[in-house]
Amino acid sequence: MIFTSTFSTGLRRTLPALALAAAGMALSGWIMDEDKMTGVTAKQDIPIGHKVALRDMAVGDTVIKYGIDMGKVVKPISAGEHAHVHNIKTKRW
């Protein structure tokens, strides 16, 4: 089990992996400003520092990490999947 932490924004959709998360591994995280735990099972290997989706995200959804808009979803992402540059792009251009 990997413990990660995040800030809650009401739009929370991802958690960063603090160590390599192997597919099938149960992941959990602490939402600091709500003082509660959340979790998901990794559907894919998630490299350290990369994001794992906490819930399903559709094309066009905004990805939030640490309360910051990280970009928009360009390919559907299921809860537990790796969320990175292959399925998220910046909104700047």
Foldseek 3Di string as FASTA:
>chain_A
DFEFEAEDDVLAWKTFGQAWAAQQQKYKYAHPVVRDMAIFGANHTEHHGFIFTQAKFCFQDFHATNNDGPATFHHIHGGNYTDDPVGGDHPPD
